[in-house]
Amino acid sequence: MLKQAGSPDKTISPVRLDKWLWAARFFKTRSLAAEEIGRGRVQVNEQVAKASRELKLGDLLKFRQGVVEREVRVCGLSHVRGPAPQAQALYEETPDSVALREKLSEARRLAPEPAQSITQGRPTKQDRRKLADWDRWSATSDRD
């Protein structure tokens, strides 16, 4: 039996990796967590892990959550998915991971998605004809 971080009187049995990722609110469902693990995208202590791997306090996890690469240390174990503050107490993100996440966030903020600059949506047929600077009805090339 392992003791849960933050509560010295409670003991808790080991937790499967997929269940812990779900309980720590990194993935919305346990099956999504298991799918990412099955694809080899989750590492425990720098080794590719299986969903059934039992976590211990102090284990280092590396995984991708969307476009963000995360690296967290296990600080607590839980079999149930609780509120966000309780889930955040289960892990501690490494300083390198926090710095990288903030750097990527700043890069996304400074370089917005090009599609978001289109204000009027898709161009009409008339707009496309104005954009195209060529005579579509002429078979000869008179533009020399």
N, C-alpha and C. Protein backbone atom coordinates (compact mmCIF):
# COMPACT_ATOMS: atom_id res chain seq x y z
N MET A 1 0.83 -1.18 0.00
CA MET A 1 0.00 0.00 0.00
C MET A 1 0.87 1.25 0.00
N LEU A 2 0.45 2.24 -0.75
CA LEU A 2 1.18 3.50 -0.82
C LEU A 2 0.41 4.58 -0.09
N LYS A 3 1.13 5.54 0.41
CA LYS A 3 0.46 6.67 1.06
C LYS A 3 0.25 7.77 0.03
N GLN A 4 -0.89 8.38 0.09
CA GLN A 4 -1.22 9.45 -0.83
C GLN A 4 -0.58 10.74 -0.34
N ALA A 5 -0.02 11.51 -1.28
CA ALA A 5 0.62 12.77 -0.93
C ALA A 5 -0.42 13.73 -0.37
N GLY A 6 -0.04 14.43 0.66
CA GLY A 6 -0.94 15.42 1.24
C GLY A 6 -1.82 14.89 2.36
N SER A 7 -1.95 13.58 2.49
CA SER A 7 -2.76 13.01 3.57
C SER A 7 -2.04 11.78 4.11
N PRO A 8 -1.22 11.97 5.17
CA PRO A 8 -0.39 10.90 5.67
C PRO A 8 -1.16 9.72 6.28
N ASP A 9 -2.42 9.90 6.67
CA ASP A 9 -3.15 8.83 7.32
C ASP A 9 -3.87 7.92 6.33
N LYS A 10 -4.02 8.33 5.08
CA LYS A 10 -4.72 7.52 4.09
C LYS A 10 -3.72 6.68 3.29
N THR A 11 -4.06 5.44 3.06
CA THR A 11 -3.27 4.60 2.19
C THR A 11 -4.10 4.27 0.97
N ILE A 12 -3.42 4.11 -0.15
CA ILE A 12 -4.13 3.87 -1.41
C ILE A 12 -3.34 2.85 -2.21
N SER A 13 -4.05 1.99 -2.90
CA SER A 13 -3.38 0.97 -3.70
C SER A 13 -2.84 1.59 -4.98
N PRO A 14 -1.91 0.92 -5.64
CA PRO A 14 -1.35 1.46 -6.89
C PRO A 14 -2.44 1.73 -7.92
N VAL A 15 -2.18 2.69 -8.80
CA VAL A 15 -3.16 3.12 -9.79
C VAL A 15 -2.60 2.87 -11.19
N ARG A 16 -3.47 2.38 -12.07
CA ARG A 16 -3.09 2.20 -13.47
C ARG A 16 -2.79 3.55 -14.11
N LEU A 17 -1.89 3.56 -15.08
CA LEU A 17 -1.50 4.79 -15.75
C LEU A 17 -2.67 5.47 -16.44
N ASP A 18 -3.48 4.72 -17.18
CA ASP A 18 -4.61 5.33 -17.88
C ASP A 18 -5.63 5.93 -16.92
N LYS A 19 -5.84 5.25 -15.81
CA LYS A 19 -6.80 5.74 -14.82
C LYS A 19 -6.27 7.00 -14.13
N TRP A 20 -4.96 7.04 -13.86
CA TRP A 20 -4.37 8.21 -13.22
C TRP A 20 -4.43 9.43 -14.14
N LEU A 21 -4.11 9.25 -15.43
CA LEU A 21 -4.17 10.36 -16.37
C LEU A 21 -5.59 10.93 -16.48
N TRP A 22 -6.57 10.05 -16.40
CA TRP A 22 -7.97 10.48 -16.42
C TRP A 22 -8.33 11.20 -15.11
N ALA A 23 -7.91 10.63 -13.98
CA ALA A 23 -8.23 11.21 -12.67
C ALA A 23 -7.54 12.57 -12.48
N ALA A 24 -6.34 12.73 -13.07
CA ALA A 24 -5.61 13.99 -12.97
C ALA A 24 -6.09 15.01 -14.00
N ARG A 25 -7.12 14.65 -14.76
CA ARG A 25 -7.79 15.53 -15.72
C ARG A 25 -6.92 15.95 -16.89
N PHE A 26 -5.99 15.08 -17.32
CA PHE A 26 -5.23 15.36 -18.52
C PHE A 26 -6.02 14.93 -19.76
N PHE A 27 -6.88 13.93 -19.61
CA PHE A 27 -7.72 13.45 -20.70
C PHE A 27 -9.16 13.41 -20.23
N LYS A 28 -10.07 13.70 -21.14
CA LYS A 28 -11.48 13.80 -20.79
C LYS A 28 -12.08 12.44 -20.43
N THR A 29 -11.63 11.39 -21.11
CA THR A 29 -12.13 10.05 -20.80
C THR A 29 -10.94 9.11 -20.61
N ARG A 30 -11.20 8.04 -19.93
CA ARG A 30 -10.15 7.04 -19.69
C ARG A 30 -9.77 6.35 -21.00
N SER A 31 -10.74 6.17 -21.90
CA SER A 31 -10.43 5.52 -23.17
C SER A 31 -9.52 6.40 -24.03
N LEU A 32 -9.66 7.73 -23.97
CA LEU A 32 -8.75 8.62 -24.69
C LEU A 32 -7.33 8.49 -24.13
N ALA A 33 -7.22 8.40 -22.83
CA ALA A 33 -5.92 8.22 -22.20
C ALA A 33 -5.30 6.89 -22.63
N ALA A 34 -6.09 5.83 -22.62
CA ALA A 34 -5.60 4.51 -23.03
C ALA A 34 -5.19 4.50 -24.50
N GLU A 35 -5.92 5.24 -25.32
CA GLU A 35 -5.59 5.32 -26.75
C GLU A 35 -4.23 5.99 -26.96
N GLU A 36 -3.98 7.09 -26.26
CA GLU A 36 -2.70 7.78 -26.37
C GLU A 36 -1.56 6.89 -25.87
N ILE A 37 -1.81 6.16 -24.80
CA ILE A 37 -0.80 5.26 -24.26
C ILE A 37 -0.53 4.14 -25.25
N GLY A 38 -1.59 3.61 -25.84
CA GLY A 38 -1.45 2.52 -26.81
C GLY A 38 -0.67 2.92 -28.04
N ARG A 39 -0.70 4.18 -28.40
CA ARG A 39 0.06 4.67 -29.55
C ARG A 39 1.52 4.96 -29.19
N GLY A 40 1.89 4.73 -27.95
CA GLY A 40 3.28 4.93 -27.54
C GLY A 40 3.64 6.38 -27.29
N ARG A 41 2.67 7.21 -26.99
CA ARG A 41 2.90 8.64 -26.81
C ARG A 41 3.07 9.05 -25.36
N VAL A 42 3.03 8.09 -24.45
CA VAL A 42 3.20 8.39 -23.03
C VAL A 42 4.41 7.61 -22.51
N GLN A 43 5.30 8.32 -21.83
CA GLN A 43 6.48 7.70 -21.25
C GLN A 43 6.46 7.85 -19.74
N VAL A 44 6.86 6.80 -19.06
CA VAL A 44 7.00 6.83 -17.61
C VAL A 44 8.47 6.56 -17.32
N ASN A 45 9.11 7.50 -16.66
CA ASN A 45 10.54 7.41 -16.35
C ASN A 45 11.35 7.11 -17.62
N GLU A 46 11.04 7.84 -18.70
CA GLU A 46 11.72 7.78 -19.99
C GLU A 46 11.60 6.43 -20.68
N GLN A 47 10.55 5.67 -20.37
CA GLN A 47 10.27 4.41 -21.05
C GLN A 47 8.82 4.43 -21.52
N VAL A 48 8.60 3.95 -22.76
CA VAL A 48 7.23 3.87 -23.27
C VAL A 48 6.47 2.89 -22.38
N ALA A 49 5.27 3.29 -21.96
CA ALA A 49 4.52 2.51 -20.98
C ALA A 49 3.24 1.95 -21.58
N LYS A 50 2.70 0.95 -20.90
CA LYS A 50 1.40 0.38 -21.25
C LYS A 50 0.35 0.98 -20.32
N ALA A 51 -0.91 0.87 -20.71
CA ALA A 51 -2.00 1.44 -19.91
C ALA A 51 -2.10 0.78 -18.54
N SER A 52 -1.70 -0.46 -18.44
CA SER A 52 -1.83 -1.18 -17.17
C SER A 52 -0.67 -0.93 -16.21
N ARG A 53 0.28 -0.12 -16.61
CA ARG A 53 1.44 0.17 -15.76
C ARG A 53 0.97 0.83 -14.47
N GLU A 54 1.47 0.33 -13.35
CA GLU A 54 1.10 0.90 -12.05
C GLU A 54 2.05 2.03 -11.71
N LEU A 55 1.49 3.16 -11.37
CA LEU A 55 2.30 4.33 -11.03
C LEU A 55 2.68 4.33 -9.57
N LYS A 56 3.81 4.95 -9.29
CA LYS A 56 4.28 5.13 -7.92
C LYS A 56 4.51 6.62 -7.71
N LEU A 57 4.54 7.04 -6.49
CA LEU A 57 4.85 8.44 -6.18
C LEU A 57 6.26 8.74 -6.67
N GLY A 58 6.43 9.89 -7.31
CA GLY A 58 7.74 10.29 -7.80
C GLY A 58 8.01 9.91 -9.25
N ASP A 59 7.14 9.12 -9.89
CA ASP A 59 7.34 8.77 -11.30
C ASP A 59 7.27 10.03 -12.16
N LEU A 60 8.08 10.04 -13.22
CA LEU A 60 8.11 11.17 -14.16
C LEU A 60 7.40 10.76 -15.44
N LEU A 61 6.36 11.50 -15.81
CA LEU A 61 5.57 11.20 -17.00
C LEU A 61 5.82 12.25 -18.06
N LYS A 62 5.97 11.80 -19.32
CA LYS A 62 6.08 12.69 -20.46
C LYS A 62 4.99 12.29 -21.44
N PHE A 63 4.20 13.28 -21.87
CA PHE A 63 3.14 13.01 -22.83
C PHE A 63 2.74 14.31 -23.50
N ARG A 64 1.98 14.17 -24.58
CA ARG A 64 1.49 15.33 -25.29
C ARG A 64 0.01 15.49 -25.05
N GLN A 65 -0.37 16.69 -24.72
CA GLN A 65 -1.78 17.01 -24.49
C GLN A 65 -2.16 18.05 -25.54
N GLY A 66 -2.76 17.59 -26.64
CA GLY A 66 -3.01 18.46 -27.78
C GLY A 66 -1.69 18.76 -28.47
N VAL A 67 -1.34 20.04 -28.57
CA VAL A 67 -0.06 20.43 -29.17
C VAL A 67 1.01 20.70 -28.12
N VAL A 68 0.64 20.59 -26.86
CA VAL A 68 1.54 20.92 -25.75
C VAL A 68 2.21 19.66 -25.22
N GLU A 69 3.53 19.70 -25.16
CA GLU A 69 4.31 18.60 -24.58
C GLU A 69 4.39 18.85 -23.07
N ARG A 70 3.98 17.86 -22.28
CA ARG A 70 3.96 18.03 -20.82
C ARG A 70 4.90 17.03 -20.17
N GLU A 71 5.48 17.45 -19.07
CA GLU A 71 6.34 16.59 -18.26
C GLU A 71 5.94 16.84 -16.80
N VAL A 72 5.40 15.81 -16.15
CA VAL A 72 4.90 15.97 -14.79
C VAL A 72 5.46 14.87 -13.89
N ARG A 73 5.55 15.22 -12.61
CA ARG A 73 5.98 14.26 -11.59
C ARG A 73 4.76 13.90 -10.76
N VAL A 74 4.57 12.61 -10.51
CA VAL A 74 3.43 12.11 -9.75
C VAL A 74 3.64 12.45 -8.27
N CYS A 75 2.68 13.20 -7.70
CA CYS A 75 2.74 13.58 -6.28
C CYS A 75 1.65 12.91 -5.46
N GLY A 76 0.67 12.33 -6.12
CA GLY A 76 -0.43 11.68 -5.43
C GLY A 76 -1.09 10.67 -6.34
N LEU A 77 -1.79 9.73 -5.74
CA LEU A 77 -2.48 8.69 -6.49
C LEU A 77 -3.97 8.75 -6.18
N SER A 78 -4.78 8.56 -7.22
CA SER A 78 -6.22 8.57 -7.02
C SER A 78 -6.89 7.67 -8.04
N HIS A 79 -7.92 6.95 -7.58
CA HIS A 79 -8.71 6.08 -8.46
C HIS A 79 -9.93 6.80 -9.01
N VAL A 80 -10.27 7.95 -8.44
CA VAL A 80 -11.49 8.65 -8.84
C VAL A 80 -11.14 10.02 -9.40
N ARG A 81 -11.99 10.49 -10.27
CA ARG A 81 -11.83 11.81 -10.88
C ARG A 81 -12.58 12.81 -10.02
N GLY A 82 -11.83 13.71 -9.40
CA GLY A 82 -12.45 14.69 -8.51
C GLY A 82 -12.43 16.07 -9.12
N PRO A 83 -12.70 17.08 -8.32
CA PRO A 83 -12.67 18.46 -8.82
C PRO A 83 -11.25 18.87 -9.23
N ALA A 84 -11.16 19.93 -10.01
CA ALA A 84 -9.87 20.37 -10.57
C ALA A 84 -8.80 20.62 -9.51
N PRO A 85 -9.10 21.30 -8.40
CA PRO A 85 -8.04 21.51 -7.39
C PRO A 85 -7.49 20.20 -6.83
N GLN A 86 -8.36 19.22 -6.66
CA GLN A 86 -7.93 17.92 -6.16
C GLN A 86 -7.07 17.22 -7.22
N ALA A 87 -7.44 17.35 -8.48
CA ALA A 87 -6.67 16.74 -9.57
C ALA A 87 -5.30 17.39 -9.71
N GLN A 88 -5.23 18.69 -9.53
CA GLN A 88 -3.95 19.39 -9.64
C GLN A 88 -2.99 19.03 -8.52
N ALA A 89 -3.51 18.54 -7.41
CA ALA A 89 -2.67 18.12 -6.28
C ALA A 89 -2.01 16.77 -6.56
N LEU A 90 -2.44 16.07 -7.60
CA LEU A 90 -1.89 14.75 -7.92
C LEU A 90 -0.57 14.81 -8.66
N TYR A 91 -0.21 15.99 -9.20
CA TYR A 91 1.01 16.08 -9.99
C TYR A 91 1.68 17.44 -9.78
N GLU A 92 2.93 17.49 -10.21
CA GLU A 92 3.69 18.73 -10.20
C GLU A 92 4.40 18.81 -11.54
N GLU A 93 4.14 19.86 -12.29
CA GLU A 93 4.76 20.02 -13.60
C GLU A 93 6.19 20.51 -13.44
N THR A 94 7.11 19.97 -14.22
CA THR A 94 8.52 20.35 -14.12
C THR A 94 8.71 21.78 -14.64
N PRO A 95 9.71 22.49 -14.13
CA PRO A 95 9.96 23.88 -14.58
C PRO A 95 10.23 23.97 -16.09
N ASP A 96 10.94 22.98 -16.65
CA ASP A 96 11.21 22.99 -18.09
C ASP A 96 9.91 22.89 -18.89
N SER A 97 9.00 22.06 -18.43
CA SER A 97 7.72 21.88 -19.10
C SER A 97 6.89 23.15 -19.03
N VAL A 98 6.89 23.80 -17.89
CA VAL A 98 6.14 25.06 -17.73
C VAL A 98 6.71 26.12 -18.66
N ALA A 99 8.05 26.23 -18.72
CA ALA A 99 8.68 27.24 -19.58
C ALA A 99 8.35 26.98 -21.05
N LEU A 100 8.41 25.72 -21.47
CA LEU A 100 8.11 25.38 -22.86
C LEU A 100 6.65 25.67 -23.19
N ARG A 101 5.75 25.34 -22.27
CA ARG A 101 4.32 25.59 -22.48
C ARG A 101 4.04 27.09 -22.62
N GLU A 102 4.68 27.90 -21.78
CA GLU A 102 4.49 29.35 -21.85
C GLU A 102 5.08 29.92 -23.13
N LYS A 103 6.21 29.37 -23.56
CA LYS A 103 6.84 29.81 -24.81
C LYS A 103 5.94 29.51 -26.00
N LEU A 104 5.36 28.32 -26.05
CA LEU A 104 4.46 27.96 -27.13
C LEU A 104 3.19 28.80 -27.11
N SER A 105 2.70 29.09 -25.92
CA SER A 105 1.51 29.93 -25.79
C SER A 105 1.78 31.33 -26.31
N GLU A 106 2.93 31.86 -26.00
CA GLU A 106 3.31 33.19 -26.48
C GLU A 106 3.46 33.19 -28.00
N ALA A 107 4.05 32.12 -28.55
CA ALA A 107 4.22 32.02 -30.00
C ALA A 107 2.86 31.95 -30.70
N ARG A 108 1.92 31.21 -30.13
CA ARG A 108 0.57 31.13 -30.72
C ARG A 108 -0.14 32.48 -30.63
N ARG A 109 0.10 33.21 -29.55
CA ARG A 109 -0.54 34.50 -29.39
C ARG A 109 0.00 35.51 -30.40
N LEU A 110 1.31 35.48 -30.64
CA LEU A 110 1.94 36.43 -31.55
C LEU A 110 1.72 36.09 -33.02
N ALA A 111 1.55 34.81 -33.32
CA ALA A 111 1.34 34.37 -34.71
C ALA A 111 -0.02 33.70 -34.81
N PRO A 112 -1.08 34.50 -34.97
CA PRO A 112 -2.42 33.92 -35.00
C PRO A 112 -2.65 33.06 -36.25
N GLU A 113 -3.66 32.27 -36.19
CA GLU A 113 -4.04 31.40 -37.30
C GLU A 113 -4.39 32.25 -38.52
N PRO A 114 -3.81 31.94 -39.71
CA PRO A 114 -4.09 32.75 -40.91
C PRO A 114 -5.57 32.75 -41.29
N ALA A 115 -6.27 31.67 -41.06
CA ALA A 115 -7.68 31.60 -41.43
C ALA A 115 -8.52 32.56 -40.61
N GLN A 116 -8.05 32.95 -39.45
CA GLN A 116 -8.83 33.86 -38.62
C GLN A 116 -8.81 35.29 -39.15
N SER A 117 -7.87 35.59 -40.08
CA SER A 117 -7.82 36.94 -40.64
C SER A 117 -8.87 37.15 -41.72
N ILE A 118 -9.50 36.09 -42.20
CA ILE A 118 -10.56 36.22 -43.19
C ILE A 118 -11.82 36.66 -42.46
N THR A 119 -12.27 37.87 -42.77
CA THR A 119 -13.41 38.41 -42.05
C THR A 119 -14.74 38.13 -42.73
N GLN A 120 -14.74 38.04 -44.05
CA GLN A 120 -15.99 37.87 -44.76
C GLN A 120 -16.22 36.45 -45.22
N GLY A 121 -15.41 35.53 -44.83
CA GLY A 121 -15.60 34.15 -45.23
C GLY A 121 -15.04 33.85 -46.61
N ARG A 122 -15.60 32.87 -47.23
CA ARG A 122 -15.12 32.40 -48.52
C ARG A 122 -15.44 33.43 -49.62
N PRO A 123 -14.47 33.67 -50.54
CA PRO A 123 -14.74 34.64 -51.60
C PRO A 123 -15.81 34.14 -52.57
N THR A 124 -16.58 35.08 -53.12
CA THR A 124 -17.61 34.72 -54.09
C THR A 124 -16.95 34.48 -55.45
N LYS A 125 -17.75 34.02 -56.40
CA LYS A 125 -17.25 33.77 -57.74
C LYS A 125 -16.74 35.08 -58.36
N GLN A 126 -17.46 36.15 -58.10
CA GLN A 126 -17.06 37.46 -58.63
C GLN A 126 -15.74 37.91 -58.00
N ASP A 127 -15.58 37.69 -56.71
CA ASP A 127 -14.33 38.04 -56.03
C ASP A 127 -13.15 37.23 -56.58
N ARG A 128 -13.40 35.97 -56.85
CA ARG A 128 -12.33 35.13 -57.39
C ARG A 128 -11.92 35.60 -58.78
N ARG A 129 -12.87 36.05 -59.58
CA ARG A 129 -12.54 36.57 -60.91
C ARG A 129 -11.72 37.84 -60.81
N LYS A 130 -12.00 38.66 -59.81
CA LYS A 130 -11.22 39.88 -59.61
C LYS A 130 -9.80 39.54 -59.16
N LEU A 131 -9.67 38.50 -58.34
CA LEU A 131 -8.35 38.09 -57.87
C LEU A 131 -7.51 37.53 -59.00
N ALA A 132 -8.12 36.77 -59.89
CA ALA A 132 -7.39 36.16 -61.00
C ALA A 132 -7.11 37.23 -62.03
N ASP A 133 -5.85 37.50 -62.27
CA ASP A 133 -5.47 38.55 -63.21
C ASP A 133 -5.13 37.93 -64.56
N TRP A 134 -6.13 37.26 -65.16
CA TRP A 134 -5.93 36.66 -66.47
C TRP A 134 -7.25 36.62 -67.21
N ASP A 135 -7.17 36.60 -68.50
CA ASP A 135 -8.36 36.58 -69.35
C ASP A 135 -8.74 35.13 -69.59
N ARG A 136 -9.74 34.68 -68.88
CA ARG A 136 -10.08 33.25 -68.92
C ARG A 136 -10.73 32.82 -70.22
N TRP A 137 -11.18 33.75 -71.06
CA TRP A 137 -11.86 33.37 -72.30
C TRP A 137 -10.93 33.37 -73.49
N SER A 138 -9.73 33.81 -73.31
CA SER A 138 -8.79 33.89 -74.43
C SER A 138 -7.91 32.65 -74.47
N ALA A 139 -7.81 32.06 -75.65
CA ALA A 139 -6.97 30.88 -75.81
C ALA A 139 -5.56 31.28 -76.23
N THR A 140 -5.37 32.51 -76.65
CA THR A 140 -4.06 32.98 -77.08
C THR A 140 -3.41 33.78 -75.98
N SER A 141 -2.12 33.90 -76.07
CA SER A 141 -1.38 34.65 -75.08
C SER A 141 -0.98 35.98 -75.68
N ASP A 142 -1.74 37.03 -75.41
CA ASP A 142 -1.45 38.37 -75.94
C ASP A 142 -0.73 39.23 -74.91
N ARG A 143 -0.23 38.68 -73.88
CA ARG A 143 0.36 39.46 -72.78
C ARG A 143 1.87 39.52 -72.85
N ASP A 144 2.43 39.65 -73.94
CA ASP A 144 3.90 39.69 -74.05
C ASP A 144 4.47 41.02 -73.80
